[in-house]
């Protein structure tokens, strides 16, 4: 027998508002230097689709905030695990912008989103500790790594890990990158269990690059020439992010596998942050190339970015929940499968977790 961290339940909340690419046809797009992008909006959108694979995305309803999405994903995960929420030791909520009420520009993170989730769940137990985690897009994976440490150290028996974001509230409509981002929330229950096999978290890896890379994803004023300089939106140096991810993420995943004592050929699925379809495909191909192997990414890499866009910290847990519950065609999980969670994002941060179902 050995102690292991087991995911006993998952949940996700996919917002109901669908935003199709065609709805951006009336946007006037500008470069980061505030010059008009040549061509018609339709040409910009067509090129965008080819690069990212995104056809539509989901936005939260106007009356909902990030903490609302987080609560609903948590509720579903708790129901899936069939546990009493009063038995939770930690509630870890990964996000980047707090609550940004619709039609406002101010982030609200006091009290913490985790405290709001605990309140919404009606948890009275004062020993249930809620806190927020800011780690860029890899936030949920980092929350899972932290939960694993608590559980293995004997500091907890059961944790709730949530990734939630409403990026639609912080995008610049004059920036073509605004079409990448979306809203959503995913959650899991991680528990300490005694197991007789190698089930559970097998290993992880985390890396941070900040000397030259810290501003690759940041906040800045609108691309529109006459915009209010006091208002900031999410910004990304797309080419540099792509090159960074392709250079460092495959090695980080490889390091995770080495830490877990797992061979690449034994990995059944890789749940990678849904950042950009072409970039994700290139990362996985580069990973297998490290082992002189070719891979059909369609078999090993489930994706939902075409329909859901990039919801930052929510992409990995929502994708895992959807595959686990059989709603991603062509992808199923069975007991004994080895999977990998991996992400890259603002910081610049990279992490990965190896897990056996």
Protein backbone atom coordinates (compact mmCIF):
# COMPACT_ATOMS: atom_id res chain seq x y z
CA UNK A 1 0.00 0.00 0.00
CA UNK A 2 1.13 3.55 -0.68
CA UNK A 3 -0.36 7.02 -0.31
CA UNK A 4 -1.29 8.73 -3.57
CA UNK A 5 -3.15 11.79 -4.81
CA UNK A 6 -6.27 10.69 -6.66
CA UNK A 7 -8.69 12.83 -8.66
CA UNK A 8 -12.08 11.59 -7.48
CA UNK A 9 -14.35 14.06 -9.22
CA UNK A 10 -14.35 16.72 -11.94
CA UNK A 11 -16.69 19.46 -13.06
CA UNK A 12 -16.80 22.29 -15.56
CA UNK A 13 -18.97 25.23 -16.43
CA UNK A 14 -19.11 26.26 -20.08
CA UNK A 15 -20.80 29.69 -20.46
CA UNK A 16 -23.94 29.80 -22.57
CA UNK A 17 -23.11 32.83 -24.75
CA UNK A 18 -21.59 31.68 -28.06
CA UNK A 19 -19.43 34.22 -29.90
CA UNK A 20 -18.76 33.24 -33.53
CA UNK A 21 -15.86 34.60 -35.57
CA UNK A 22 -18.31 36.31 -37.90
CA UNK A 23 -19.31 38.61 -35.05
CA UNK A 24 -15.87 40.27 -35.26
CA UNK A 25 -16.45 41.43 -38.85
CA UNK A 26 -17.36 44.93 -37.68
CA UNK A 27 -14.20 45.34 -35.56
CA UNK A 28 -11.46 47.70 -36.69
CA UNK A 29 -8.16 45.99 -35.92
CA UNK A 30 -4.88 47.81 -35.24
CA UNK A 31 -1.32 46.68 -34.63
CA UNK A 32 0.51 47.12 -31.31
CA UNK A 33 2.02 50.28 -32.80
CA UNK A 34 -1.57 51.52 -33.35
CA UNK A 35 -1.49 51.33 -37.14
CA UNK A 36 -4.48 49.90 -39.03
CA UNK A 37 -4.00 46.26 -40.02
CA UNK A 38 -4.07 46.05 -43.83
CA UNK A 39 -6.97 44.25 -45.46
CA UNK A 40 -10.60 43.75 -44.59
CA UNK A 41 -11.68 42.31 -41.22
CA UNK A 42 -12.82 39.19 -43.08
CA UNK A 43 -9.23 38.60 -44.25
CA UNK A 44 -7.90 39.06 -40.71
CA UNK A 45 -10.45 36.57 -39.37
CA UNK A 46 -9.71 34.00 -42.09
CA UNK A 47 -5.99 34.12 -41.28
CA UNK A 48 -6.79 33.93 -37.58
CA UNK A 49 -8.82 30.75 -38.08
CA UNK A 50 -6.01 29.05 -40.00
CA UNK A 51 -3.43 29.84 -37.31
CA UNK A 52 -5.42 29.21 -34.13
CA UNK A 53 -8.11 26.76 -35.23
CA UNK A 54 -10.67 28.79 -33.26
CA UNK A 55 -14.11 29.06 -34.87
CA UNK A 56 -16.07 30.26 -31.86
CA UNK A 57 -15.71 30.87 -28.15
CA UNK A 58 -17.87 31.21 -25.03
CA UNK A 59 -18.52 34.35 -22.99
CA UNK A 60 -20.10 34.56 -19.55
CA UNK A 61 -23.54 36.10 -19.25
CA UNK A 62 -23.55 39.76 -18.21
CA UNK A 63 -24.91 38.90 -14.76
CA UNK A 64 -22.11 36.38 -14.03
CA UNK A 65 -18.57 36.89 -12.76
CA UNK A 66 -15.51 34.66 -12.57
CA UNK A 67 -16.37 33.55 -9.04
CA UNK A 68 -19.84 32.45 -10.23
CA UNK A 69 -18.29 30.26 -12.93
CA UNK A 70 -15.83 28.88 -10.38
CA UNK A 71 -18.63 28.04 -7.94
CA UNK A 72 -20.64 26.14 -10.57
CA UNK A 73 -17.62 24.10 -11.73
CA UNK A 74 -16.83 23.35 -8.07
CA UNK A 75 -20.43 22.30 -7.38
CA UNK A 76 -20.36 19.84 -10.27
CA UNK A 77 -16.98 18.40 -9.17
CA UNK A 78 -18.24 17.93 -5.60
CA UNK A 79 -21.35 16.17 -6.89
CA UNK A 80 -19.23 13.98 -9.18
CA UNK A 81 -16.96 12.95 -6.28
CA UNK A 82 -20.00 12.44 -4.01
CA UNK A 83 -18.34 14.18 -1.05
CA UNK A 84 -19.47 16.49 1.72
CA UNK A 85 -17.97 19.95 0.97
CA UNK A 86 -17.47 20.43 4.73
CA UNK A 87 -14.67 17.83 4.50
CA UNK A 88 -12.57 19.99 2.16
CA UNK A 89 -9.26 21.14 3.65
CA UNK A 90 -8.30 23.60 0.89
CA UNK A 91 -10.06 25.45 -1.89
CA UNK A 92 -7.51 26.68 -4.44
CA UNK A 93 -8.82 28.99 -7.16
CA UNK A 94 -6.51 29.81 -10.06
CA UNK A 95 -7.37 32.94 -12.04
CA UNK A 96 -5.61 36.07 -13.30
CA UNK A 97 -8.01 39.00 -13.16
CA UNK A 98 -10.42 38.40 -10.31
CA UNK A 99 -14.02 39.44 -10.89
CA UNK A 100 -14.42 42.10 -13.57
CA UNK A 101 -18.13 43.00 -13.63
CA UNK A 102 -19.51 43.56 -17.11
CA UNK A 103 -19.23 47.17 -18.36
CA UNK A 104 -16.52 47.99 -15.81
CA UNK A 105 -12.73 48.05 -16.07
CA UNK A 106 -11.83 47.39 -12.44
CA UNK A 107 -10.74 44.01 -11.12
CA UNK A 108 -12.33 42.92 -7.86
CA UNK A 109 -10.36 40.30 -5.93
CA UNK A 110 -11.27 41.30 -2.36
CA UNK A 111 -12.42 39.07 -0.84
CA UNK A 112 -10.56 36.38 -2.73
CA UNK A 113 -12.46 34.37 -5.32
CA UNK A 114 -11.75 31.24 -3.28
CA UNK A 115 -13.44 32.81 -0.25
CA UNK A 116 -16.44 33.65 -2.43
CA UNK A 117 -16.59 30.06 -3.67
CA UNK A 118 -16.47 28.75 -0.09
CA UNK A 119 -19.28 31.15 0.78
CA UNK A 120 -21.36 30.10 -2.24
CA UNK A 121 -20.91 26.43 -1.31
CA UNK A 122 -22.18 27.21 2.17
CA UNK A 123 -19.12 25.71 3.91
CA UNK A 124 -19.01 26.53 7.62
CA UNK A 125 -15.83 24.62 8.51
CA UNK A 126 -13.19 27.23 9.54
CA UNK A 127 -10.43 24.68 8.87
CA UNK A 128 -11.31 24.74 5.16
CA UNK A 129 -8.78 27.24 3.84
CA UNK A 130 -9.57 29.12 0.60
CA UNK A 131 -6.96 31.05 -1.34
CA UNK A 132 -6.31 32.36 -4.84
CA UNK A 133 -3.42 31.43 -7.11
CA UNK A 134 -1.99 33.76 -9.78
CA UNK A 135 0.29 31.83 -12.13
CA UNK A 136 -0.84 32.74 -15.64
CA UNK A 137 -2.52 30.12 -17.79
CA UNK A 138 -0.74 27.25 -15.94
CA UNK A 139 -2.59 28.23 -12.73
CA UNK A 140 -4.89 25.21 -12.46
CA UNK A 141 -2.06 22.75 -13.09
CA UNK A 142 -0.02 24.59 -10.44
CA UNK A 143 -2.96 24.36 -8.05
CA UNK A 144 -3.04 20.60 -8.60
CA UNK A 145 0.69 20.43 -7.87
CA UNK A 146 0.17 22.39 -4.64
CA UNK A 147 -2.72 20.12 -3.63
CA UNK A 148 -0.53 17.08 -4.24
CA UNK A 149 2.13 18.54 -1.93
CA UNK A 150 -0.43 19.21 0.83
CA UNK A 151 -1.83 15.69 0.55
CA UNK A 152 1.50 13.89 0.47
CA UNK A 153 2.85 15.99 3.35
CA UNK A 154 -0.11 15.03 5.52
CA UNK A 155 -1.35 18.63 5.68
CA UNK A 156 -4.65 17.77 4.00
CA UNK A 157 -6.88 14.88 3.02
CA UNK A 158 -9.06 16.51 0.39
CA UNK A 159 -8.63 19.60 -1.83
CA UNK A 160 -10.77 21.42 -4.36
CA UNK A 161 -8.77 22.91 -7.25
CA UNK A 162 -10.50 25.33 -9.63
CA UNK A 163 -9.42 27.24 -12.72
CA UNK A 164 -11.79 30.05 -13.73
CA UNK A 165 -11.54 33.12 -15.93
CA UNK A 166 -13.64 35.71 -17.76
CA UNK A 167 -11.14 37.00 -20.29
CA UNK A 168 -13.95 38.57 -22.32
CA UNK A 169 -13.95 41.36 -19.70
CA UNK A 170 -10.30 42.33 -20.27
CA UNK A 171 -9.88 42.12 -24.05
CA UNK A 172 -9.18 44.99 -26.45
CA UNK A 173 -11.69 44.77 -29.32
CA UNK A 174 -9.19 46.55 -31.59
CA UNK A 175 -6.56 43.82 -31.07
CA UNK A 176 -6.92 40.74 -33.30
CA UNK A 177 -5.60 38.62 -30.41
CA UNK A 178 -8.86 39.43 -28.62
CA UNK A 179 -10.48 36.73 -30.75
CA UNK A 180 -8.37 34.08 -29.01
CA UNK A 181 -9.74 34.57 -25.52
CA UNK A 182 -12.85 33.20 -23.85
CA UNK A 183 -14.49 32.43 -20.50
CA UNK A 184 -14.99 29.22 -18.54
CA UNK A 185 -14.26 27.24 -15.39
CA UNK A 186 -13.09 23.74 -14.53
CA UNK A 187 -12.52 22.00 -11.20
CA UNK A 188 -11.43 18.76 -9.59
CA UNK A 189 -11.45 17.08 -6.20
CA UNK A 190 -8.01 15.73 -5.25
CA UNK A 191 -7.88 13.27 -2.35
CA UNK A 192 -5.28 11.34 -0.41
CA UNK A 193 -5.89 7.64 -0.87
CA UNK A 194 -4.14 4.40 0.01
CA UNK A 195 -3.61 2.44 -3.21
CA UNK A 196 -2.04 -0.90 -4.06
CA UNK A 197 -1.08 0.10 -7.61
CA UNK A 198 0.55 3.12 -9.22
CA UNK A 199 -2.66 5.11 -9.57
CA UNK A 200 -2.59 8.87 -8.99
CA UNK A 201 -0.06 11.66 -9.50
CA UNK A 202 3.27 10.14 -10.52
CA UNK A 203 5.40 13.25 -10.94
CA UNK A 204 5.50 16.88 -11.99
CA UNK A 205 7.76 19.66 -13.22
CA UNK A 206 7.62 23.47 -13.04
CA UNK A 207 9.74 26.11 -14.73
CA UNK A 208 9.78 29.93 -14.82
CA UNK A 209 11.53 32.26 -17.27
CA UNK A 210 11.41 35.98 -16.42
CA UNK A 211 14.60 37.75 -17.51
CA UNK A 212 13.74 38.35 -21.16
CA UNK A 213 10.26 36.81 -21.19
CA UNK A 214 8.37 38.51 -18.37
CA UNK A 215 6.49 40.93 -20.69
CA UNK A 216 5.52 38.41 -23.39
CA UNK A 217 1.98 38.46 -21.94
CA UNK A 218 1.04 41.59 -19.98
CA UNK A 219 -1.46 44.42 -19.60
CA UNK A 220 -1.31 47.54 -21.77
CA UNK A 221 -3.47 50.23 -23.37
CA UNK A 222 -5.70 49.58 -26.37
CA UNK A 223 -4.34 49.34 -29.90
CA UNK A 224 -6.84 52.00 -30.92
CA UNK A 225 -4.91 55.27 -31.55
CA UNK A 226 -7.21 57.54 -29.50
CA UNK A 227 -7.82 55.14 -26.64
CA UNK A 228 -7.86 56.03 -22.96
CA UNK A 229 -4.29 55.56 -21.74
CA UNK A 230 -5.50 54.81 -18.21
CA UNK A 231 -7.35 51.63 -19.21
CA UNK A 232 -5.39 48.40 -19.62
CA UNK A 233 -6.21 45.20 -21.53
CA UNK A 234 -4.55 41.80 -21.85
CA UNK A 235 -1.79 41.87 -24.47
CA UNK A 236 0.36 39.17 -26.00
CA UNK A 237 3.45 39.06 -28.17
CA UNK A 238 2.14 36.14 -30.20
CA UNK A 239 5.27 35.26 -32.17
CA UNK A 240 7.51 35.36 -29.09
CA UNK A 241 5.04 33.27 -27.08
CA UNK A 242 4.93 30.70 -29.89
CA UNK A 243 8.71 30.49 -30.15
CA UNK A 244 9.10 30.31 -26.38
CA UNK A 245 6.54 27.52 -26.03
CA UNK A 246 8.03 25.47 -28.83
CA UNK A 247 11.51 25.83 -27.36
CA UNK A 248 10.79 25.08 -23.69
CA UNK A 249 7.48 23.21 -23.22
CA UNK A 250 8.54 19.89 -24.82
CA UNK A 251 11.59 19.72 -22.53
CA UNK A 252 9.45 20.56 -19.48
CA UNK A 253 7.02 17.74 -20.27
CA UNK A 254 9.96 15.40 -20.84
CA UNK A 255 11.34 16.40 -17.42
CA UNK A 256 7.96 15.60 -15.87
CA UNK A 257 7.97 12.13 -17.44
CA UNK A 258 11.50 11.53 -16.20
CA UNK A 259 10.49 12.58 -12.68
CA UNK A 260 7.54 10.19 -12.87
CA UNK A 261 9.59 7.30 -14.27
CA UNK A 262 7.30 7.08 -17.30
CA UNK A 263 8.21 6.34 -20.92
CA UNK A 264 6.76 8.57 -23.61
CA UNK A 265 5.30 5.54 -25.38
CA UNK A 266 3.19 4.76 -22.30
CA UNK A 267 1.41 8.14 -22.33
CA UNK A 268 -2.18 7.72 -23.46
CA UNK A 269 -3.34 11.37 -23.58
CA UNK A 270 -1.80 14.81 -23.18
CA UNK A 271 -4.15 17.52 -21.90
CA UNK A 272 -2.34 20.64 -22.99
CA UNK A 273 -3.43 24.23 -22.43
CA UNK A 274 -5.74 25.18 -25.31
CA UNK A 275 -3.76 28.20 -26.41
CA UNK A 276 -3.50 27.84 -30.19
CA UNK A 277 -4.23 24.73 -32.25
CA UNK A 278 -1.14 24.99 -34.46
CA UNK A 279 1.13 25.78 -31.50
CA UNK A 280 -0.19 22.86 -29.44
CA UNK A 281 0.28 20.46 -32.34
CA UNK A 282 3.84 21.72 -32.85
CA UNK A 283 4.64 21.30 -29.13
CA UNK A 284 3.47 17.69 -29.01
CA UNK A 285 5.31 16.80 -32.22
CA UNK A 286 8.46 18.40 -30.81
CA UNK A 287 8.02 16.43 -27.58
CA UNK A 288 7.93 13.10 -29.40
CA UNK A 289 10.81 14.22 -31.62
CA UNK A 290 12.95 14.39 -28.46
CA UNK A 291 12.57 10.60 -28.40
CA UNK A 292 13.02 10.23 -32.17
CA UNK A 293 9.35 9.32 -32.50
CA UNK A 294 6.54 10.50 -34.77
CA UNK A 295 3.03 11.01 -33.42
CA UNK A 296 -0.48 11.49 -34.74
CA UNK A 297 -1.57 14.35 -32.48
CA UNK A 298 -5.22 13.56 -33.17
CA UNK A 299 -4.88 10.37 -31.12
CA UNK A 300 -2.90 11.67 -28.14
CA UNK A 301 -4.05 15.29 -27.86
CA UNK A 302 -7.78 15.95 -27.27
CA UNK A 303 -8.82 19.51 -28.09
CA UNK A 304 -11.81 21.78 -27.58
CA UNK A 305 -10.29 25.09 -28.66
CA UNK A 306 -12.25 25.20 -31.93
CA UNK A 307 -15.52 25.54 -30.03
CA UNK A 308 -14.44 27.04 -26.71
CA UNK A 309 -11.41 29.24 -27.47
CA UNK A 310 -8.66 29.95 -24.94
CA UNK A 311 -10.08 30.37 -21.42
CA UNK A 312 -6.64 30.52 -19.75
CA UNK A 313 -6.56 28.58 -16.46
CA UNK A 314 -9.85 26.87 -17.34
CA UNK A 315 -8.75 25.10 -20.53
CA UNK A 316 -7.01 22.07 -19.01
CA UNK A 317 -9.61 21.20 -16.33
CA UNK A 318 -12.58 21.74 -18.67
CA UNK A 319 -10.96 19.59 -21.35
CA UNK A 320 -10.17 16.84 -18.83
CA UNK A 321 -13.73 16.91 -17.50
CA UNK A 322 -15.18 16.69 -21.00
CA UNK A 323 -12.99 13.74 -22.00
CA UNK A 324 -13.55 12.01 -18.68
CA UNK A 325 -17.30 12.28 -19.24
CA UNK A 326 -17.15 11.16 -22.87
CA UNK A 327 -18.15 14.33 -24.70
CA UNK A 328 -15.02 14.75 -26.87
CA UNK A 329 -15.41 12.46 -29.91
CA UNK A 330 -12.61 9.94 -30.39
CA UNK A 331 -11.18 10.26 -26.88
CA UNK A 332 -11.88 8.01 -23.91
CA UNK A 333 -10.06 7.24 -20.68
CA UNK A 334 -9.83 3.84 -19.02
CA UNK A 335 -8.40 2.67 -15.72
CA UNK A 336 -4.62 2.42 -15.86
CA UNK A 337 -4.17 5.04 -18.58
CA UNK A 338 -1.24 7.42 -18.07
CA UNK A 339 -2.03 11.02 -18.95
CA UNK A 340 -0.21 14.36 -18.79
CA UNK A 341 -1.52 17.81 -17.89
CA UNK A 342 0.67 20.60 -19.29
CA UNK A 343 0.44 24.37 -19.65
CA UNK A 344 2.40 27.48 -20.53
CA UNK A 345 1.57 31.13 -20.00
CA UNK A 346 2.23 34.53 -18.50
CA UNK A 347 5.26 34.71 -16.29
CA UNK A 348 6.52 33.05 -18.44
CA UNK A 349 5.64 29.85 -16.61
CA UNK A 350 5.52 26.21 -17.66
CA UNK A 351 4.33 23.16 -15.75
CA UNK A 352 3.28 19.56 -16.23
CA UNK A 353 1.79 16.73 -14.17
CA UNK A 354 1.90 13.02 -14.96
CA UNK A 355 -1.11 11.06 -13.71
CA UNK A 356 -2.32 7.45 -13.89
CA UNK A 357 -6.10 7.01 -14.06
